[in-house]
Amino acid sequence: MTAPQDEKLLETMIERQRQKLLALARRIVPRLTPEDLLQPHNHPSIAAHPDFNFEDGILAGYLAALAALRAQRQK
């Protein structure tokens, strides 16, 4: 797999994880927006939910992997 393919795969995984996270959060608080997920501590019911925190951690890992891939490519 080439570097652009790696990046595209990670971007796809990130988008799907964001969708999954939003769907989960909306089961807890139905009117949440994608922007609300950027500040989950403003919504205590999702911030304290273990499933939300797990899925949010997966998203954070994907974002970190993409950042590392891009940083390595710039060297």
N, C-alpha and C. Protein backbone atom coordinates (compact mmCIF):
# COMPACT_ATOMS: atom_id res chain seq x y z
N MET A 1 0.85 -1.16 0.00
CA MET A 1 0.00 0.00 0.00
C MET A 1 0.91 1.24 0.00
N THR A 2 0.61 2.20 -0.85
CA THR A 2 1.41 3.41 -0.94
C THR A 2 0.99 4.40 0.15
N ALA A 3 1.82 5.41 0.36
CA ALA A 3 1.53 6.42 1.38
C ALA A 3 0.19 7.11 1.13
N PRO A 4 -0.12 7.55 -0.10
CA PRO A 4 -1.44 8.16 -0.32
C PRO A 4 -2.60 7.18 -0.03
N GLN A 5 -2.40 5.92 -0.32
CA GLN A 5 -3.44 4.92 -0.04
C GLN A 5 -3.61 4.73 1.46
N ASP A 6 -2.48 4.75 2.18
CA ASP A 6 -2.54 4.64 3.65
C ASP A 6 -3.33 5.79 4.23
N GLU A 7 -3.03 7.00 3.74
CA GLU A 7 -3.71 8.18 4.24
C GLU A 7 -5.21 8.14 3.91
N LYS A 8 -5.54 7.73 2.71
CA LYS A 8 -6.94 7.64 2.31
C LYS A 8 -7.69 6.62 3.17
N LEU A 9 -7.05 5.48 3.45
CA LEU A 9 -7.67 4.47 4.30
C LEU A 9 -7.94 5.04 5.70
N LEU A 10 -6.95 5.70 6.27
CA LEU A 10 -7.14 6.29 7.60
C LEU A 10 -8.23 7.36 7.58
N GLU A 11 -8.28 8.18 6.55
CA GLU A 11 -9.33 9.20 6.46
C GLU A 11 -10.71 8.56 6.39
N THR A 12 -10.83 7.46 5.68
CA THR A 12 -12.10 6.73 5.60
C THR A 12 -12.47 6.15 6.96
N MET A 13 -11.50 5.57 7.64
CA MET A 13 -11.74 5.01 8.97
C MET A 13 -12.16 6.10 9.95
N ILE A 14 -11.53 7.26 9.86
CA ILE A 14 -11.87 8.38 10.74
C ILE A 14 -13.30 8.85 10.48
N GLU A 15 -13.67 8.99 9.24
CA GLU A 15 -15.03 9.45 8.92
C GLU A 15 -16.07 8.44 9.42
N ARG A 16 -15.81 7.17 9.23
CA ARG A 16 -16.76 6.15 9.70
C ARG A 16 -16.85 6.14 11.22
N GLN A 17 -15.71 6.33 11.88
CA GLN A 17 -15.71 6.35 13.34
C GLN A 17 -16.45 7.58 13.86
N ARG A 18 -16.29 8.71 13.19
CA ARG A 18 -17.04 9.91 13.58
C ARG A 18 -18.55 9.68 13.45
N GLN A 19 -18.95 9.02 12.37
CA GLN A 19 -20.37 8.71 12.18
C GLN A 19 -20.87 7.77 13.27
N LYS A 20 -20.08 6.77 13.59
CA LYS A 20 -20.45 5.81 14.63
C LYS A 20 -20.56 6.50 15.98
N LEU A 21 -19.62 7.38 16.28
CA LEU A 21 -19.61 8.10 17.54
C LEU A 21 -20.82 9.03 17.65
N LEU A 22 -21.16 9.71 16.58
CA LEU A 22 -22.33 10.59 16.58
C LEU A 22 -23.61 9.78 16.77
N ALA A 23 -23.73 8.66 16.10
CA ALA A 23 -24.92 7.82 16.26
C ALA A 23 -25.06 7.33 17.70
N LEU A 24 -23.96 6.93 18.30
CA LEU A 24 -23.98 6.48 19.69
C LEU A 24 -24.37 7.64 20.60
N ALA A 25 -23.77 8.79 20.41
CA ALA A 25 -24.07 9.96 21.25
C ALA A 25 -25.53 10.37 21.10
N ARG A 26 -26.07 10.27 19.91
CA ARG A 26 -27.47 10.65 19.69
C ARG A 26 -28.45 9.66 20.32
N ARG A 27 -28.02 8.45 20.58
CA ARG A 27 -28.88 7.52 21.33
C ARG A 27 -28.97 7.96 22.78
N ILE A 28 -27.94 8.66 23.26
CA ILE A 28 -27.91 9.13 24.64
C ILE A 28 -28.58 10.51 24.74
N VAL A 29 -28.19 11.42 23.83
CA VAL A 29 -28.74 12.78 23.78
C VAL A 29 -29.15 13.02 22.32
N PRO A 30 -30.43 12.85 21.99
CA PRO A 30 -30.87 12.84 20.59
C PRO A 30 -30.54 14.06 19.74
N ARG A 31 -30.43 15.23 20.29
CA ARG A 31 -30.25 16.43 19.46
C ARG A 31 -28.79 16.88 19.33
N LEU A 32 -27.86 16.03 19.61
CA LEU A 32 -26.45 16.41 19.50
C LEU A 32 -26.05 16.64 18.05
N THR A 33 -25.14 17.57 17.86
CA THR A 33 -24.58 17.84 16.54
C THR A 33 -23.14 17.33 16.50
N PRO A 34 -22.57 17.20 15.32
CA PRO A 34 -21.15 16.81 15.25
C PRO A 34 -20.24 17.77 16.03
N GLU A 35 -20.59 19.05 16.05
CA GLU A 35 -19.79 20.02 16.78
C GLU A 35 -19.85 19.78 18.29
N ASP A 36 -20.98 19.28 18.77
CA ASP A 36 -21.11 18.97 20.20
C ASP A 36 -20.10 17.91 20.63
N LEU A 37 -19.73 17.04 19.73
CA LEU A 37 -18.79 15.98 20.07
C LEU A 37 -17.37 16.51 20.28
N LEU A 38 -17.11 17.73 19.82
CA LEU A 38 -15.80 18.33 20.04
C LEU A 38 -15.63 18.77 21.49
N GLN A 39 -16.75 18.96 22.20
CA GLN A 39 -16.73 19.36 23.61
C GLN A 39 -17.68 18.45 24.39
N PRO A 40 -17.39 17.17 24.48
CA PRO A 40 -18.33 16.25 25.13
C PRO A 40 -18.55 16.56 26.62
N HIS A 41 -17.59 17.23 27.26
CA HIS A 41 -17.77 17.56 28.67
C HIS A 41 -18.92 18.54 28.89
N ASN A 42 -19.39 19.21 27.83
CA ASN A 42 -20.56 20.08 27.94
C ASN A 42 -21.86 19.28 28.05
N HIS A 43 -21.76 17.99 27.83
CA HIS A 43 -22.92 17.09 27.90
C HIS A 43 -22.55 15.95 28.85
N PRO A 44 -22.77 16.14 30.14
CA PRO A 44 -22.32 15.15 31.12
C PRO A 44 -22.80 13.73 30.87
N SER A 45 -23.99 13.58 30.29
CA SER A 45 -24.51 12.23 30.08
C SER A 45 -23.70 11.46 29.03
N ILE A 46 -23.13 12.16 28.05
CA ILE A 46 -22.28 11.42 27.11
C ILE A 46 -20.84 11.35 27.61
N ALA A 47 -20.39 12.39 28.27
CA ALA A 47 -19.01 12.40 28.78
C ALA A 47 -18.77 11.28 29.79
N ALA A 48 -19.81 10.90 30.51
CA ALA A 48 -19.68 9.85 31.52
C ALA A 48 -20.01 8.46 31.00
N HIS A 49 -20.43 8.36 29.76
CA HIS A 49 -20.86 7.07 29.20
C HIS A 49 -19.65 6.26 28.77
N PRO A 50 -19.48 5.05 29.30
CA PRO A 50 -18.29 4.25 28.96
C PRO A 50 -18.18 3.87 27.49
N ASP A 51 -19.30 3.57 26.85
CA ASP A 51 -19.24 3.22 25.42
C ASP A 51 -18.82 4.42 24.58
N PHE A 52 -19.31 5.60 24.93
CA PHE A 52 -18.91 6.80 24.22
C PHE A 52 -17.41 7.03 24.37
N ASN A 53 -16.92 6.90 25.60
CA ASN A 53 -15.49 7.12 25.83
C ASN A 53 -14.63 6.10 25.09
N PHE A 54 -15.09 4.87 25.02
CA PHE A 54 -14.35 3.85 24.27
C PHE A 54 -14.26 4.22 22.79
N GLU A 55 -15.41 4.54 22.19
CA GLU A 55 -15.43 4.87 20.77
C GLU A 55 -14.68 6.17 20.49
N ASP A 56 -14.75 7.12 21.40
CA ASP A 56 -14.01 8.37 21.26
C ASP A 56 -12.50 8.11 21.30
N GLY A 57 -12.09 7.15 22.13
CA GLY A 57 -10.68 6.76 22.20
C GLY A 57 -10.19 6.14 20.90
N ILE A 58 -11.05 5.35 20.27
CA ILE A 58 -10.69 4.78 18.97
C ILE A 58 -10.49 5.89 17.95
N LEU A 59 -11.40 6.86 17.93
CA LEU A 59 -11.26 8.00 17.03
C LEU A 59 -9.96 8.74 17.29
N ALA A 60 -9.65 8.98 18.55
CA ALA A 60 -8.40 9.67 18.90
C ALA A 60 -7.18 8.89 18.38
N GLY A 61 -7.23 7.58 18.48
CA GLY A 61 -6.13 6.77 17.97
C GLY A 61 -5.96 6.88 16.47
N TYR A 62 -7.08 6.85 15.75
CA TYR A 62 -7.02 7.01 14.29
C TYR A 62 -6.46 8.38 13.91
N LEU A 63 -6.90 9.41 14.63
CA LEU A 63 -6.40 10.76 14.33
C LEU A 63 -4.90 10.87 14.62
N ALA A 64 -4.45 10.23 15.70
CA ALA A 64 -3.02 10.23 16.03
C ALA A 64 -2.22 9.48 14.97
N ALA A 65 -2.76 8.37 14.50
CA ALA A 65 -2.06 7.60 13.46
C ALA A 65 -1.94 8.41 12.17
N LEU A 66 -2.99 9.13 11.81
CA LEU A 66 -2.94 9.96 10.60
C LEU A 66 -1.92 11.08 10.77
N ALA A 67 -1.89 11.71 11.93
CA ALA A 67 -0.91 12.77 12.18
C ALA A 67 0.51 12.23 12.11
N ALA A 68 0.73 11.05 12.68
CA ALA A 68 2.07 10.44 12.64
C ALA A 68 2.48 10.09 11.22
N LEU A 69 1.55 9.56 10.45
CA LEU A 69 1.84 9.22 9.05
C LEU A 69 2.23 10.46 8.27
N ARG A 70 1.47 11.53 8.44
CA ARG A 70 1.77 12.77 7.73
C ARG A 70 3.10 13.38 8.19
N ALA A 71 3.38 13.33 9.48
CA ALA A 71 4.64 13.86 9.99
C ALA A 71 5.82 13.06 9.46
N GLN A 72 5.68 11.76 9.40
CA GLN A 72 6.76 10.91 8.90
C GLN A 72 7.02 11.19 7.42
N ARG A 73 5.98 11.44 6.68
CA ARG A 73 6.12 11.71 5.25
C ARG A 73 6.82 13.03 5.00
N GLN A 74 6.69 13.98 5.90
CA GLN A 74 7.31 15.29 5.71
C GLN A 74 8.82 15.27 5.99
N LYS A 75 9.31 14.22 6.61
CA LYS A 75 10.74 14.14 6.92
C LYS A 75 11.57 13.87 5.70
